[in-house]
Protein backbone atom coordinates (compact mmCIF):
# COMPACT_ATOMS: atom_id res chain seq x y z
CA UNK A 1 17.34 2.79 36.14
CA UNK A 2 14.34 3.41 33.88
CA UNK A 3 12.53 0.51 32.31
CA UNK A 4 11.85 0.33 28.59
CA UNK A 5 8.18 1.00 29.34
CA UNK A 6 9.00 4.16 31.27
CA UNK A 7 10.88 5.42 28.22
CA UNK A 8 7.70 5.26 26.09
CA UNK A 9 6.59 8.83 25.76
CA UNK A 10 2.96 9.83 26.41
CA UNK A 11 2.56 10.75 22.74
CA UNK A 12 2.62 7.04 21.91
CA UNK A 13 -0.40 6.11 24.01
CA UNK A 14 -3.49 5.35 21.97
CA UNK A 15 -7.22 4.87 22.49
CA UNK A 16 -8.58 1.48 23.47
CA UNK A 17 -9.09 -0.75 20.44
CA UNK A 18 -6.48 1.04 18.31
CA UNK A 19 -5.11 -1.57 15.87
CA UNK A 20 -1.36 -2.14 15.94
CA UNK A 21 -0.47 -4.10 12.86
CA UNK A 22 1.99 -4.83 10.10
CA UNK A 23 1.41 -5.33 6.40
CA UNK A 24 2.66 -7.39 3.46
CA UNK A 25 1.46 -8.33 -0.03
CA UNK A 26 1.09 -11.65 -1.79
CA UNK A 27 3.63 -11.42 -4.61
CA UNK A 28 6.23 -9.87 -2.33
CA UNK A 29 6.27 -12.72 0.19
CA UNK A 30 4.37 -15.85 -0.85
CA UNK A 31 6.55 -17.50 -3.48
CA UNK A 32 5.12 -20.84 -4.72
CA UNK A 33 4.18 -19.17 -8.00
CA UNK A 34 3.44 -22.41 -9.84
CA UNK A 35 2.12 -24.52 -6.96
CA UNK A 36 -1.39 -25.78 -6.28
CA UNK A 37 -2.94 -24.37 -9.42
CA UNK A 38 -1.81 -20.74 -9.22
CA UNK A 39 -1.76 -19.05 -12.60
CA UNK A 40 0.76 -16.48 -13.85
CA UNK A 41 0.41 -12.81 -12.93
CA UNK A 42 1.76 -9.72 -14.66
CA UNK A 43 4.57 -9.66 -12.10
CA UNK A 44 5.64 -13.19 -13.02
CA UNK A 45 5.91 -12.06 -16.62
CA UNK A 46 7.48 -8.68 -15.84
CA UNK A 47 10.22 -10.02 -13.58
CA UNK A 48 11.33 -12.53 -16.22
CA UNK A 49 11.77 -9.77 -18.82
CA UNK A 50 15.42 -8.64 -18.89
CA UNK A 51 16.04 -5.14 -17.58
CA UNK A 52 12.72 -4.76 -15.79
CA UNK A 53 13.87 -5.55 -12.23
CA UNK A 54 17.18 -4.74 -10.62
CA UNK A 55 19.60 -7.69 -10.76
CA UNK A 56 16.98 -9.83 -12.49
CA UNK A 57 15.28 -10.64 -9.18
CA UNK A 58 11.81 -12.21 -9.06
CA UNK A 59 9.25 -13.53 -6.59
CA UNK A 60 9.30 -17.22 -7.47
CA UNK A 61 10.34 -18.09 -3.91
CA UNK A 62 10.27 -14.67 -2.21
CA UNK A 63 9.90 -15.23 1.55
CA UNK A 64 8.35 -18.68 1.02
CA UNK A 65 5.41 -17.49 3.12
CA UNK A 66 3.12 -19.95 1.32
CA UNK A 67 4.91 -22.76 3.15
CA UNK A 68 6.06 -20.83 6.23
CA UNK A 69 2.91 -18.91 7.14
CA UNK A 70 2.57 -20.62 10.52
CA UNK A 71 6.10 -19.55 11.44
CA UNK A 72 5.31 -16.02 10.29
CA UNK A 73 2.07 -15.86 12.27
CA UNK A 74 3.99 -17.06 15.32
CA UNK A 75 6.34 -14.10 14.84
CA UNK A 76 3.33 -11.78 14.65
CA UNK A 77 2.00 -13.24 17.87
CA UNK A 78 5.42 -12.81 19.52
CA UNK A 79 5.36 -9.15 18.51
CA UNK A 80 1.87 -8.79 19.95
CA UNK A 81 0.30 -7.57 16.72
CA UNK A 82 -3.44 -7.06 17.00
CA UNK A 83 -3.96 -6.94 13.23
CA UNK A 84 -2.26 -8.14 10.05
CA UNK A 85 -2.88 -6.70 6.60
CA UNK A 86 -2.13 -9.05 3.71
CA UNK A 87 -3.27 -9.44 0.13
CA UNK A 88 -4.83 -12.31 -1.74
CA UNK A 89 -3.17 -13.38 -4.97
CA UNK A 90 -5.86 -13.10 -7.62
CA UNK A 91 -4.22 -15.73 -9.89
CA UNK A 92 -3.99 -18.11 -6.93
CA UNK A 93 -7.78 -17.94 -6.58
CA UNK A 94 -8.71 -17.52 -10.26
CA UNK A 95 -5.74 -18.59 -12.39
CA UNK A 96 -6.99 -16.82 -15.53
CA UNK A 97 -8.77 -13.94 -13.80
CA UNK A 98 -12.24 -15.27 -14.53
CA UNK A 99 -14.19 -18.48 -14.55
CA UNK A 100 -13.24 -21.49 -12.47
CA UNK A 101 -12.14 -21.06 -8.87
CA UNK A 102 -8.96 -22.72 -7.65
CA UNK A 103 -10.09 -24.21 -4.35
CA UNK A 104 -6.55 -24.93 -3.22
CA UNK A 105 -5.81 -21.24 -3.46
CA UNK A 106 -8.81 -20.27 -1.35
CA UNK A 107 -7.93 -22.98 1.14
CA UNK A 108 -4.53 -21.39 1.72
CA UNK A 109 -6.14 -18.12 2.79
CA UNK A 110 -8.60 -19.98 5.00
CA UNK A 111 -5.68 -21.66 6.75
CA UNK A 112 -3.87 -18.33 7.07
CA UNK A 113 -6.85 -16.47 8.49
CA UNK A 114 -7.66 -19.32 10.86
CA UNK A 115 -4.09 -19.25 12.13
CA UNK A 116 -4.27 -15.49 12.63
CA UNK A 117 -7.56 -15.64 14.53
CA UNK A 118 -6.30 -18.46 16.74
CA UNK A 119 -3.47 -16.14 17.75
CA UNK A 120 -5.75 -13.19 18.47
CA UNK A 121 -4.77 -11.27 15.32
CA UNK A 122 -7.44 -9.61 13.16
CA UNK A 123 -7.01 -10.41 9.44
CA UNK A 124 -7.28 -7.33 7.20
CA UNK A 125 -7.54 -8.60 3.64
CA UNK A 126 -6.57 -6.64 0.53
CA UNK A 127 -8.12 -8.01 -2.64
CA UNK A 128 -5.64 -6.50 -5.10
CA UNK A 129 -2.02 -5.59 -4.57
CA UNK A 130 -0.97 -5.35 -8.22
CA UNK A 131 -0.79 -9.03 -9.26
CA UNK A 132 -3.26 -9.00 -12.17
CA UNK A 133 -3.71 -12.41 -13.80
CA UNK A 134 -1.66 -12.39 -16.99
CA UNK A 135 -4.58 -13.57 -19.12
CA UNK A 136 -6.53 -10.42 -18.23
CA UNK A 137 -3.53 -8.28 -19.17
CA UNK A 138 -3.40 -10.11 -22.49
CA UNK A 139 -6.99 -8.94 -23.02
CA UNK A 140 -6.05 -5.31 -22.36
CA UNK A 141 -5.42 -5.13 -18.63
CA UNK A 142 -6.78 -2.26 -16.57
CA UNK A 143 -7.31 0.03 -19.58
CA UNK A 144 -9.96 -2.53 -20.62
CA UNK A 145 -13.24 -1.75 -18.81
CA UNK A 146 -14.14 -5.43 -18.59
CA UNK A 147 -11.28 -5.99 -16.11
CA UNK A 148 -13.24 -4.02 -13.49
CA UNK A 149 -16.16 -6.43 -13.81
CA UNK A 150 -13.91 -9.45 -13.59
CA UNK A 151 -12.48 -7.95 -10.39
CA UNK A 152 -15.96 -7.64 -8.90
CA UNK A 153 -16.59 -11.34 -9.59
CA UNK A 154 -13.29 -12.23 -7.95
CA UNK A 155 -14.13 -10.02 -4.95
CA UNK A 156 -17.44 -11.82 -4.53
CA UNK A 157 -15.69 -15.21 -4.58
CA UNK A 158 -13.14 -14.23 -1.95
CA UNK A 159 -15.74 -12.52 0.22
CA UNK A 160 -18.08 -15.50 0.17
CA UNK A 161 -15.25 -17.86 1.12
CA UNK A 162 -13.70 -15.72 3.86
CA UNK A 163 -16.46 -13.45 5.18
CA UNK A 164 -16.53 -15.28 8.50
CA UNK A 165 -12.74 -15.13 8.83
CA UNK A 166 -11.83 -11.54 7.97
CA UNK A 167 -12.14 -8.26 9.89
CA UNK A 168 -11.99 -5.89 6.90
CA UNK A 169 -11.91 -6.37 3.13
CA UNK A 170 -10.11 -3.58 1.30
CA UNK A 171 -10.31 -3.42 -2.46
CA UNK A 172 -7.43 -1.98 -4.52
CA UNK A 173 -4.12 -1.11 -2.92
CA UNK A 174 -2.74 2.20 -4.18
CA UNK A 175 -4.59 2.52 -7.48
CA UNK A 176 -2.26 5.41 -8.42
CA UNK A 177 0.69 3.00 -8.54
CA UNK A 178 -1.19 0.30 -10.42
CA UNK A 179 -2.30 2.79 -13.07
CA UNK A 180 0.59 5.20 -13.47
CA UNK A 181 3.63 3.07 -12.64
CA UNK A 182 2.15 0.16 -14.57
CA UNK A 183 0.84 1.91 -17.67
CA UNK A 184 2.61 5.32 -17.90
CA UNK A 185 6.15 5.07 -16.53
CA UNK A 186 6.61 1.34 -17.07
CA UNK A 187 8.44 0.99 -13.74
CA UNK A 188 5.96 -1.62 -12.53
CA UNK A 189 4.20 -4.50 -14.25
CA UNK A 190 2.97 -4.73 -16.92
CA UNK A 191 5.61 -2.17 -17.92
CA UNK A 192 3.63 -0.22 -20.52
CA UNK A 193 4.31 3.42 -21.40
CA UNK A 194 0.93 4.56 -22.64
CA UNK A 195 -0.18 7.75 -20.85
CA UNK A 196 -3.74 7.78 -22.18
CA UNK A 197 -4.20 4.14 -21.19
CA UNK A 198 -2.85 4.94 -17.73
CA UNK A 199 -5.77 7.35 -17.30
CA UNK A 200 -8.16 4.67 -18.52
CA UNK A 201 -6.59 2.23 -16.07
CA UNK A 202 -6.95 4.69 -13.19
CA UNK A 203 -10.67 5.12 -13.84
CA UNK A 204 -11.25 1.39 -14.21
CA UNK A 205 -9.36 0.69 -10.97
CA UNK A 206 -11.66 3.16 -9.24
CA UNK A 207 -14.65 1.51 -10.90
CA UNK A 208 -13.37 -1.91 -9.80
CA UNK A 209 -13.25 -0.64 -6.23
CA UNK A 210 -16.89 0.45 -6.31
CA UNK A 211 -18.11 -2.70 -8.04
CA UNK A 212 -16.27 -4.84 -5.49
CA UNK A 213 -17.81 -2.94 -2.57
CA UNK A 214 -21.24 -3.58 -4.09
CA UNK A 215 -20.42 -7.24 -4.68
CA UNK A 216 -19.42 -7.73 -1.05
CA UNK A 217 -22.88 -6.56 0.00
CA UNK A 218 -22.22 -4.27 2.95
CA UNK A 219 -19.55 -6.40 4.60
CA UNK A 220 -17.00 -4.12 6.34
CA UNK A 221 -15.18 -2.73 3.33
CA UNK A 222 -12.43 -0.22 2.74
CA UNK A 223 -10.69 1.68 -0.02
CA UNK A 224 -6.94 2.25 0.00
CA UNK A 225 -5.06 5.28 -1.31
CA UNK A 226 -1.42 6.34 -1.12
CA UNK A 227 -1.33 10.00 -0.12
CA UNK A 228 1.55 12.47 -0.14
CA UNK A 229 1.94 15.86 1.41
CA UNK A 230 2.83 18.17 -1.48
CA UNK A 231 4.93 21.33 -1.19
CA UNK A 232 6.02 23.82 -3.87
CA UNK A 233 9.77 24.45 -3.84
CA UNK A 234 9.15 28.21 -3.82
CA UNK A 235 6.19 30.54 -3.83
CA UNK A 236 6.53 31.17 -7.55
CA UNK A 237 3.50 30.80 -9.78
CA UNK A 238 5.18 27.93 -11.64
CA UNK A 239 5.92 26.01 -8.45
CA UNK A 240 2.45 26.57 -6.99
CA UNK A 241 0.95 25.32 -10.24
CA UNK A 242 3.22 22.26 -10.14
CA UNK A 243 2.05 21.48 -6.59
CA UNK A 244 -1.60 21.80 -7.64
CA UNK A 245 -1.08 19.42 -10.54
CA UNK A 246 0.75 16.73 -8.58
CA UNK A 247 -1.64 16.96 -5.64
CA UNK A 248 -4.50 16.62 -8.09
CA UNK A 249 -3.26 13.49 -9.84
CA UNK A 250 -1.75 11.81 -6.76
CA UNK A 251 -4.31 12.64 -4.09
CA UNK A 252 -7.52 14.34 -5.20
CA UNK A 253 -8.22 12.23 -8.30
CA UNK A 254 -8.72 9.23 -6.03
CA UNK A 255 -10.01 10.83 -2.82
CA UNK A 256 -12.65 12.88 -4.62
CA UNK A 257 -13.86 9.89 -6.61
CA UNK A 258 -14.09 7.48 -3.66
CA UNK A 259 -15.46 9.92 -1.08
CA UNK A 260 -17.52 12.44 -3.10
CA UNK A 261 -18.38 10.63 -6.34
CA UNK A 262 -16.74 13.07 -8.74
CA UNK A 263 -13.38 13.82 -10.30
CA UNK A 264 -11.86 17.27 -9.69
CA UNK A 265 -12.46 19.49 -12.70
CA UNK A 266 -8.97 20.97 -12.68
CA UNK A 267 -7.44 17.49 -12.90
CA UNK A 268 -9.70 16.52 -15.79
CA UNK A 269 -8.44 19.62 -17.56
CA UNK A 270 -4.81 18.56 -16.95
CA UNK A 271 -4.99 15.07 -18.42
CA UNK A 272 -5.79 13.41 -21.77
CA UNK A 273 -9.11 11.69 -21.17
CA UNK A 274 -11.25 9.80 -23.66
CA UNK A 275 -14.80 11.07 -24.12
CA UNK A 276 -16.31 7.62 -23.54
CA UNK A 277 -14.25 6.73 -20.47
CA UNK A 278 -16.52 7.87 -17.64
CA UNK A 279 -19.96 6.45 -18.34
CA UNK A 280 -23.31 7.34 -16.74
CA UNK A 281 -23.54 5.77 -13.30
CA UNK A 282 -19.80 5.15 -12.93
CA UNK A 283 -19.19 7.81 -10.29
CA UNK A 284 -22.11 6.65 -8.16
CA UNK A 285 -20.64 3.13 -8.22
CA UNK A 286 -17.17 4.41 -7.30
CA UNK A 287 -18.72 6.37 -4.41
CA UNK A 288 -20.23 3.21 -2.89
CA UNK A 289 -20.27 3.62 0.92
CA UNK A 290 -17.21 2.25 2.67
CA UNK A 291 -16.55 1.69 6.36
CA UNK A 292 -12.91 2.72 6.52
CA UNK A 293 -10.33 4.57 4.42
CA UNK A 294 -6.90 2.97 4.35
CA UNK A 295 -4.16 5.56 3.96
CA UNK A 296 -0.63 4.58 2.91
CA UNK A 297 1.91 7.30 3.72
CA UNK A 298 5.67 7.37 3.29
CA UNK A 299 6.92 10.81 2.36
CA UNK A 300 6.44 14.38 1.17
CA UNK A 301 6.88 15.60 -2.40
CA UNK A 302 8.57 18.93 -3.01
CA UNK A 303 7.93 20.03 -6.58
CA UNK A 304 8.89 22.71 -9.05
CA UNK A 305 7.46 23.84 -12.34
CA UNK A 306 10.53 25.85 -13.29
CA UNK A 307 12.38 24.76 -16.45
CA UNK A 308 15.49 22.69 -15.77
CA UNK A 309 14.56 21.83 -12.19
CA UNK A 310 17.06 19.72 -10.27
CA UNK A 311 16.30 16.04 -9.80
CA UNK A 312 15.28 14.56 -6.49
CA UNK A 313 17.38 11.95 -4.73
CA UNK A 314 14.53 9.47 -5.25
CA UNK A 315 14.74 7.70 -8.59
CA UNK A 316 13.54 4.53 -10.28
CA UNK A 317 16.11 1.70 -10.42
CA UNK A 318 15.46 0.98 -14.09
CA UNK A 319 14.86 2.98 -17.25
CA UNK A 320 11.38 4.51 -17.03
CA UNK A 321 9.20 7.29 -18.40
CA UNK A 322 7.32 9.85 -16.31
CA UNK A 323 4.24 8.59 -14.45
CA UNK A 324 2.83 12.13 -14.21
CA UNK A 325 0.47 12.12 -17.14
CA UNK A 326 -0.23 15.67 -18.26
CA UNK A 327 2.41 17.06 -15.89
CA UNK A 328 5.59 15.47 -17.21
CA UNK A 329 7.38 18.82 -16.98
CA UNK A 330 7.17 18.95 -13.17
CA UNK A 331 10.43 18.38 -11.28
CA UNK A 332 10.68 16.58 -7.95
CA UNK A 333 13.35 18.21 -5.80
CA UNK A 334 15.02 17.49 -2.48
CA UNK A 335 13.43 19.67 0.18
CA UNK A 336 16.45 19.40 2.47
CA UNK A 337 15.09 16.68 4.77
CA UNK A 338 16.82 13.41 5.70
CA UNK A 339 16.06 10.57 3.32
CA UNK A 340 15.64 6.81 3.56
CA UNK A 341 17.57 4.27 1.50
CA UNK A 342 14.91 4.75 -1.17
CA UNK A 343 15.77 8.45 -1.39
CA UNK A 344 12.37 9.31 0.12
CA UNK A 345 12.28 12.35 2.38
CA UNK A 346 11.38 11.67 6.01
CA UNK A 347 8.57 13.97 7.10
CA UNK A 348 6.18 12.76 9.78
CA UNK A 349 4.48 16.16 9.76
CA UNK A 350 3.21 15.29 6.30
CA UNK A 351 1.27 12.38 7.79
CA UNK A 352 -0.55 14.74 10.15
CA UNK A 353 -1.19 17.00 7.17
CA UNK A 354 -2.79 14.34 4.96
CA UNK A 355 -4.90 12.81 7.74
CA UNK A 356 -6.26 16.13 8.95
CA UNK A 357 -6.92 17.17 5.35
CA UNK A 358 -9.10 14.12 4.72
CA UNK A 359 -10.95 14.71 7.99
CA UNK A 360 -11.47 18.38 7.15
CA UNK A 361 -12.24 18.31 3.43
CA UNK A 362 -14.24 15.11 2.94
CA UNK A 363 -17.33 13.42 4.39
CA UNK A 364 -16.62 11.78 7.77
CA UNK A 365 -14.84 8.43 7.41
CA UNK A 366 -12.87 6.33 9.91
CA UNK A 367 -9.26 5.87 8.83
CA UNK A 368 -6.24 3.69 9.45
CA UNK A 369 -2.65 4.22 8.41
CA UNK A 370 -2.41 1.01 6.42
CA UNK A 371 1.24 1.31 5.33
CA UNK A 372 4.08 3.34 6.79
CA UNK A 373 7.72 2.41 6.99
CA UNK A 374 11.22 2.93 5.68
CA UNK A 375 14.05 1.11 3.95
CA UNK A 376 17.52 1.48 5.43
CA UNK A 377 20.80 -0.33 4.83
CA UNK A 378 20.60 -2.81 7.69
CA UNK A 379 23.75 -4.42 9.00
CA UNK A 380 23.76 -7.76 10.80
CA UNK A 381 26.31 -7.66 13.62
CA UNK A 382 26.71 -10.05 16.57
CA UNK A 383 23.42 -11.69 15.73
CA UNK A 384 21.46 -8.42 15.94
CA UNK A 385 20.29 -5.68 13.62
CA UNK A 386 20.49 -2.33 15.36
CA UNK A 387 18.19 -0.35 13.06
CA UNK A 388 17.90 2.84 15.08
CA UNK A 389 16.91 4.84 12.00
CA UNK A 390 13.89 2.65 11.33
CA UNK A 391 12.87 2.75 14.98
CA UNK A 392 13.09 6.55 14.93
CA UNK A 393 11.04 6.68 11.73
CA UNK A 394 8.25 4.52 13.14
CA UNK A 395 8.30 6.35 16.47
CA UNK A 396 7.99 9.73 14.74
CA UNK A 397 5.11 8.57 12.58
CA UNK A 398 3.28 6.94 15.48
CA UNK A 399 3.64 10.28 17.22
CA UNK A 400 2.09 11.89 14.14
CA UNK A 401 -0.82 9.46 14.42
CA UNK A 402 -1.35 10.50 18.03
CA UNK A 403 -1.19 14.17 17.01
CA UNK A 404 -3.81 13.57 14.32
CA UNK A 405 -6.10 11.85 16.83
CA UNK A 406 -5.71 14.78 19.19
CA UNK A 407 -6.72 17.05 16.29
CA UNK A 408 -9.96 15.11 15.88
CA UNK A 409 -9.04 12.62 13.16
CA UNK A 410 -11.02 9.36 13.56
CA UNK A 411 -7.89 7.21 13.24
CA UNK A 412 -8.36 3.58 14.24
CA UNK A 413 -5.03 1.89 13.58
CA UNK A 414 -1.48 1.81 12.28
CA UNK A 415 0.16 -0.88 10.10
CA UNK A 416 3.94 -0.87 9.74
CA UNK A 417 5.34 -1.64 6.32
CA UNK A 418 6.46 -4.21 6.34
CA UNK A 419 6.32 -7.20 8.62
CA UNK A 420 9.45 -8.63 7.03
CA UNK A 421 12.04 -7.87 4.39
CA UNK A 422 10.60 -8.86 1.01
CA UNK A 423 10.67 -8.49 -2.74
CA UNK A 424 10.54 -4.72 -3.30
CA UNK A 425 9.11 -4.56 -6.83
CA UNK A 426 11.51 -3.02 -9.39
CA UNK A 427 14.19 -2.86 -6.69
CA UNK A 428 14.16 -6.65 -6.28
CA UNK A 429 15.71 -7.71 -2.97
CA UNK A 430 17.94 -4.65 -2.76
CA UNK A 431 15.82 -2.63 -0.32
CA UNK A 432 14.76 -3.80 3.13
CA UNK A 433 11.66 -2.37 4.82
CA UNK A 434 11.00 -5.15 7.33
CA UNK A 435 10.69 -5.12 11.08
CA UNK A 436 11.90 -8.70 10.70
CA UNK A 437 15.14 -9.45 8.86
CA UNK A 438 15.03 -12.26 6.31
CA UNK A 439 18.12 -14.05 5.07
CA UNK A 440 17.16 -14.45 1.42
CA UNK A 441 19.35 -17.55 1.05
CA UNK A 442 18.28 -19.52 4.12
CA UNK A 443 14.86 -17.92 4.82
CA UNK A 444 15.87 -17.42 8.44
CA UNK A 445 13.82 -14.75 10.23
CA UNK A 446 15.35 -12.43 12.86
CA UNK A 447 13.60 -9.67 14.77
CA UNK A 448 15.36 -6.33 14.32
CA UNK A 449 15.70 -3.87 17.19
CA UNK A 450 12.79 -1.91 15.68
CA UNK A 451 10.59 -5.01 15.99
CA UNK A 452 11.41 -5.44 19.67
CA UNK A 453 10.69 -1.74 20.23
CA UNK A 454 7.38 -1.86 18.35
CA UNK A 455 6.40 -4.90 20.39
CA UNK A 456 6.93 -2.91 23.59
CA UNK A 457 4.76 -0.08 22.25
CA UNK A 458 1.97 -2.55 21.57
CA UNK A 459 2.25 -4.26 24.94
CA UNK A 460 2.39 -0.92 26.74
CA UNK A 461 -0.85 0.20 25.10
CA UNK A 462 -2.62 -3.11 25.67
CA UNK A 463 -1.65 -3.17 29.34
CA UNK A 464 -2.90 0.30 30.04
CA UNK A 465 -6.00 0.14 27.82
CA UNK A 466 -6.31 3.93 27.58
CA UNK A 467 -9.81 5.26 27.04
CA UNK A 468 -8.98 8.79 25.87
CA UNK A 469 -9.83 9.71 22.29
């Protein structure tokens, strides 16, 4: 009889020091939205607006992580995680987004990071995962340039308080989502449908990243982008043009800015951009040196520029506009691959594609896969959740990580999304991504089969301490 370890294929063996982690974000798990001085965020406001979130769900309690963090860290330790990526709630630290610091908020993250370190888990801190203080939104939000400077002040506060506790500080999680889902499509908070302001927000989020890196004064810092492999549906001129446009706005607009200090000219020609938006010195600030690039990857886009293109299986759960400013005519089509419960196509080869592209086309930069995972319709039976589809998804994408390393990509870690089932933005509690099942009524935690499997992968690699690269 073979042991579980013997069933671990060689393609899932990683270099010594490779980080095996899981990720979450503050609004999705913490709850306690009015406790200990926390101010309101745009997601508090958005979720209480009828029709914005499926079934009227909100994050007031979420996973109650604010009170249960020790239990959750114990689960991480049981899994053998070597790293944990989480975000700080800006309104928990600065209730209005500027001015006075809420010490109770900072103290929570000190307790959390202490607990992680005591269990041998490296804390990877994300400064912004979309929970802008509502008062800053009332002053214009991310389309307002001043928000970037307020973010830099906040980054300096968090860095000064936690610099001896944290392995890596990353700045803005998925600026594409914050800008284009928040200010163009309206699917995410603050729910505005203002395409020109979405472009302004995208630039100011990039600027906020650079200003924050400067404010943290050379402490190990990272930028985070969500990348997609992009394929044209056919070889037609219209489809090739559609792929160029979507790749430009999704991938290159952010990669080029962070890693080369310029925006791609073709993208600037595609979008409505105000003459005064990009000011002298901005791109140098955005290009501030970072130590690691965090790459979130979930799926491949297959696109068409043909009139009347068929819709993809993936869709927003609420009434929204297009997030693709300047390319609203592009259709997203099903490329014939299996899909997750989100309707997202499963394509681990796309992960190899995006990682090798960054390594090939940009200045050398260490990378981690900072989010990767899948929602499926889990079923609790006999006290277990047999989520073979999720296990297969993670296994395939870990194999893609190994393939990328073998191709010369300086990949240093992998973070599964997510540690536990949580509030999934406009989908509310209707989609489960977690390795750990959460009963939303009782807050009971239960390790799914995928969690037990991932734990064995981690233990296998730590036992053997491979030294290949």
